[in-house]
Amino acid sequence: MKVNITKAGTYSITGLTRTDYRTIGYILRIADDRCFGEQDEDGNYYSNDDFVCSLDEKEREALKKRFAVRFNANVSY
Protein backbone atom coordinates (compact mmCIF):
# COMPACT_ATOMS: atom_id res chain seq x y z
CA MET A 1 0.00 0.00 0.00
CA LYS A 2 1.24 3.46 -0.82
CA VAL A 3 -0.22 6.77 0.36
CA ASN A 4 0.50 9.86 -1.71
CA ILE A 5 -0.13 13.34 -0.35
CA THR A 6 -0.30 16.20 -2.83
CA LYS A 7 0.75 19.77 -2.21
CA ALA A 8 -2.96 20.65 -2.17
CA GLY A 9 -3.41 18.30 0.80
CA THR A 10 -5.32 15.52 -0.92
CA TYR A 11 -4.51 11.85 -0.38
CA SER A 12 -4.50 8.91 -2.74
CA ILE A 13 -4.01 5.30 -1.71
CA THR A 14 -2.77 2.70 -4.16
CA GLY A 15 -1.99 -0.98 -3.83
CA LEU A 16 -5.15 -2.07 -2.00
CA THR A 17 -6.67 -5.42 -2.82
CA ARG A 18 -10.38 -5.74 -3.44
CA THR A 19 -10.76 -7.24 0.05
CA ASP A 20 -8.81 -4.35 1.59
CA TYR A 21 -11.02 -1.80 -0.15
CA ARG A 22 -14.29 -3.56 0.74
CA THR A 23 -13.20 -3.99 4.37
CA ILE A 24 -12.36 -0.31 4.78
CA GLY A 25 -15.61 0.73 3.12
CA TYR A 26 -17.62 -1.65 5.29
CA ILE A 27 -16.09 -0.35 8.51
CA LEU A 28 -16.65 3.27 7.52
CA ARG A 29 -20.27 2.68 6.47
CA ILE A 30 -21.09 0.82 9.68
CA ALA A 31 -19.37 3.46 11.82
CA ASP A 32 -21.29 6.19 10.01
CA ASP A 33 -24.62 4.36 10.34
CA ARG A 34 -24.25 3.27 13.96
CA CYS A 35 -21.86 5.48 15.85
CA PHE A 36 -22.26 9.14 15.14
CA GLY A 37 -25.96 9.92 15.19
CA GLU A 38 -26.15 12.60 17.86
CA GLN A 39 -24.03 15.66 18.41
CA ASP A 40 -22.74 16.10 21.95
CA GLU A 41 -23.04 19.34 23.93
CA ASP A 42 -19.43 20.18 23.06
CA GLY A 43 -20.22 20.01 19.33
CA ASN A 44 -18.41 16.72 18.72
CA TYR A 45 -19.80 13.34 17.72
CA TYR A 46 -18.87 10.37 19.92
CA SER A 47 -19.52 6.76 19.00
CA ASN A 48 -21.00 5.73 22.37
CA ASP A 49 -21.13 2.25 20.88
CA ASP A 50 -19.03 -0.75 21.88
CA PHE A 51 -19.91 -2.70 18.73
CA VAL A 52 -19.18 -1.17 15.35
CA CYS A 53 -19.15 -4.14 12.97
CA SER A 54 -18.02 -7.72 12.48
CA LEU A 55 -15.41 -8.97 10.03
CA ASP A 56 -14.88 -12.41 8.63
CA GLU A 57 -11.42 -13.97 8.98
CA LYS A 58 -10.25 -12.83 5.54
CA GLU A 59 -11.35 -9.25 6.17
CA ARG A 60 -9.74 -9.21 9.63
CA GLU A 61 -6.43 -10.46 8.26
CA ALA A 62 -6.54 -7.86 5.47
CA LEU A 63 -7.16 -5.09 7.98
CA LYS A 64 -4.43 -6.29 10.32
CA LYS A 65 -1.95 -6.82 7.48
CA ARG A 66 -2.48 -3.46 5.82
CA PHE A 67 -3.06 -1.10 8.69
CA ALA A 68 -1.68 -2.39 11.97
CA VAL A 69 1.93 -1.82 11.00
CA ARG A 70 2.16 -0.28 7.56
CA PHE A 71 -0.27 2.62 7.40
CA ASN A 72 2.36 5.33 7.91
CA ALA A 73 5.26 3.37 6.43
CA ASN A 74 4.93 4.39 2.76
CA VAL A 75 3.84 8.01 2.70
CA SER A 76 5.31 10.07 -0.12
CA TYR A 77 4.96 13.77 -0.82
C-alpha atoms as a PDB file:
ATOM      1  CA  MET A   1       0.000   0.000   0.000  1.00  0.00           C
ATOM      2  CA  LYS A   2       1.240   3.464  -0.822  1.00  0.00           C
ATOM      3  CA  VAL A   3      -0.219   6.771   0.357  1.00  0.00           C
ATOM      4  CA  ASN A   4       0.495   9.862  -1.714  1.00  0.00           C
ATOM      5  CA  ILE A   5      -0.128  13.344  -0.345  1.00  0.00           C
ATOM      6  CA  THR A   6      -0.296  16.201  -2.833  1.00  0.00           C
ATOM      7  CA  LYS A   7       0.748  19.774  -2.211  1.00  0.00           C
ATOM      8  CA  ALA A   8      -2.964  20.649  -2.171  1.00  0.00           C
ATOM      9  CA  GLY A   9      -3.409  18.303   0.802  1.00  0.00           C
ATOM     10  CA  THR A  10      -5.322  15.520  -0.922  1.00  0.00           C
ATOM     11  CA  TYR A  11      -4.507  11.849  -0.382  1.00  0.00           C
ATOM     12  CA  SER A  12      -4.504   8.907  -2.741  1.00  0.00           C
ATOM     13  CA  ILE A  13      -4.014   5.303  -1.708  1.00  0.00           C
ATOM     14  CA  THR A  14      -2.773   2.697  -4.164  1.00  0.00           C
ATOM     15  CA  GLY A  15      -1.992  -0.976  -3.833  1.00  0.00           C
ATOM     16  CA  LEU A  16      -5.148  -2.066  -1.997  1.00  0.00           C
ATOM     17  CA  THR A  17      -6.672  -5.419  -2.818  1.00  0.00           C
ATOM     18  CA  ARG A  18     -10.382  -5.741  -3.442  1.00  0.00           C
ATOM     19  CA  THR A  19     -10.761  -7.241   0.048  1.00  0.00           C
ATOM     20  CA  ASP A  20      -8.808  -4.349   1.589  1.00  0.00           C
ATOM     21  CA  TYR A  21     -11.024  -1.800  -0.145  1.00  0.00           C
ATOM     22  CA  ARG A  22     -14.285  -3.565   0.745  1.00  0.00           C
ATOM     23  CA  THR A  23     -13.199  -3.990   4.371  1.00  0.00           C
ATOM     24  CA  ILE A  24     -12.356  -0.310   4.778  1.00  0.00           C
ATOM     25  CA  GLY A  25     -15.606   0.733   3.119  1.00  0.00           C
ATOM     26  CA  TYR A  26     -17.615  -1.649   5.289  1.00  0.00           C
ATOM     27  CA  ILE A  27     -16.088  -0.349   8.512  1.00  0.00           C
ATOM     28  CA  LEU A  28     -16.650   3.272   7.518  1.00  0.00           C
ATOM     29  CA  ARG A  29     -20.271   2.684   6.470  1.00  0.00           C
ATOM     30  CA  ILE A  30     -21.091   0.821   9.676  1.00  0.00           C
ATOM     31  CA  ALA A  31     -19.371   3.462  11.822  1.00  0.00           C
ATOM     32  CA  ASP A  32     -21.293   6.187  10.008  1.00  0.00           C
ATOM     33  CA  ASP A  33     -24.616   4.359  10.343  1.00  0.00           C
ATOM     34  CA  ARG A  34     -24.246   3.271  13.963  1.00  0.00           C
ATOM     35  CA  CYS A  35     -21.864   5.478  15.846  1.00  0.00           C
ATOM     36  CA  PHE A  36     -22.256   9.143  15.139  1.00  0.00           C
ATOM     37  CA  GLY A  37     -25.957   9.921  15.194  1.00  0.00           C
ATOM     38  CA  GLU A  38     -26.146  12.599  17.865  1.00  0.00           C
ATOM     39  CA  GLN A  39     -24.026  15.660  18.411  1.00  0.00           C
ATOM     40  CA  ASP A  40     -22.736  16.096  21.949  1.00  0.00           C
ATOM     41  CA  GLU A  41     -23.041  19.342  23.931  1.00  0.00           C
ATOM     42  CA  ASP A  42     -19.430  20.182  23.059  1.00  0.00           C
ATOM     43  CA  GLY A  43     -20.218  20.011  19.329  1.00  0.00           C
ATOM     44  CA  ASN A  44     -18.408  16.717  18.723  1.00  0.00           C
ATOM     45  CA  TYR A  45     -19.798  13.343  17.723  1.00  0.00           C
ATOM     46  CA  TYR A  46     -18.869  10.367  19.922  1.00  0.00           C
ATOM     47  CA  SER A  47     -19.524   6.761  19.003  1.00  0.00           C
ATOM     48  CA  ASN A  48     -20.996   5.725  22.369  1.00  0.00           C
ATOM     49  CA  ASP A  49     -21.128   2.250  20.885  1.00  0.00           C
ATOM     50  CA  ASP A  50     -19.034  -0.746  21.878  1.00  0.00           C
ATOM     51  CA  PHE A  51     -19.914  -2.704  18.735  1.00  0.00           C
ATOM     52  CA  VAL A  52     -19.180  -1.174  15.350  1.00  0.00           C
ATOM     53  CA  CYS A  53     -19.154  -4.141  12.968  1.00  0.00           C
ATOM     54  CA  SER A  54     -18.024  -7.722  12.484  1.00  0.00           C
ATOM     55  CA  LEU A  55     -15.413  -8.966  10.030  1.00  0.00           C
ATOM     56  CA  ASP A  56     -14.878 -12.414   8.625  1.00  0.00           C
ATOM     57  CA  GLU A  57     -11.420 -13.970   8.984  1.00  0.00           C
ATOM     58  CA  LYS A  58     -10.250 -12.835   5.539  1.00  0.00           C
ATOM     59  CA  GLU A  59     -11.353  -9.245   6.172  1.00  0.00           C
ATOM     60  CA  ARG A  60      -9.739  -9.211   9.630  1.00  0.00           C
ATOM     61  CA  GLU A  61      -6.426 -10.455   8.263  1.00  0.00           C
ATOM     62  CA  ALA A  62      -6.536  -7.855   5.469  1.00  0.00           C
ATOM     63  CA  LEU A  63      -7.164  -5.093   7.980  1.00  0.00           C
ATOM     64  CA  LYS A  64      -4.434  -6.289  10.317  1.00  0.00           C
ATOM     65  CA  LYS A  65      -1.949  -6.822   7.479  1.00  0.00           C
ATOM     66  CA  ARG A  66      -2.485  -3.455   5.817  1.00  0.00           C
ATOM     67  CA  PHE A  67      -3.065  -1.100   8.692  1.00  0.00           C
ATOM     68  CA  ALA A  68      -1.681  -2.393  11.967  1.00  0.00           C
ATOM     69  CA  VAL A  69       1.931  -1.816  11.003  1.00  0.00           C
ATOM     70  CA  ARG A  70       2.164  -0.284   7.558  1.00  0.00           C
ATOM     71  CA  PHE A  71      -0.268   2.621   7.400  1.00  0.00           C
ATOM     72  CA  ASN A  72       2.359   5.331   7.909  1.00  0.00           C
ATOM     73  CA  ALA A  73       5.263   3.372   6.425  1.00  0.00           C
ATOM     74  CA  ASN A  74       4.929   4.392   2.764  1.00  0.00           C
ATOM     75  CA  VAL A  75       3.841   8.012   2.698  1.00  0.00           C
ATOM     76  CA  SER A  76       5.313  10.065  -0.124  1.00  0.00           C
ATOM     77  CA  TYR A  77       4.957  13.767  -0.823  1.00  0.00           C
END
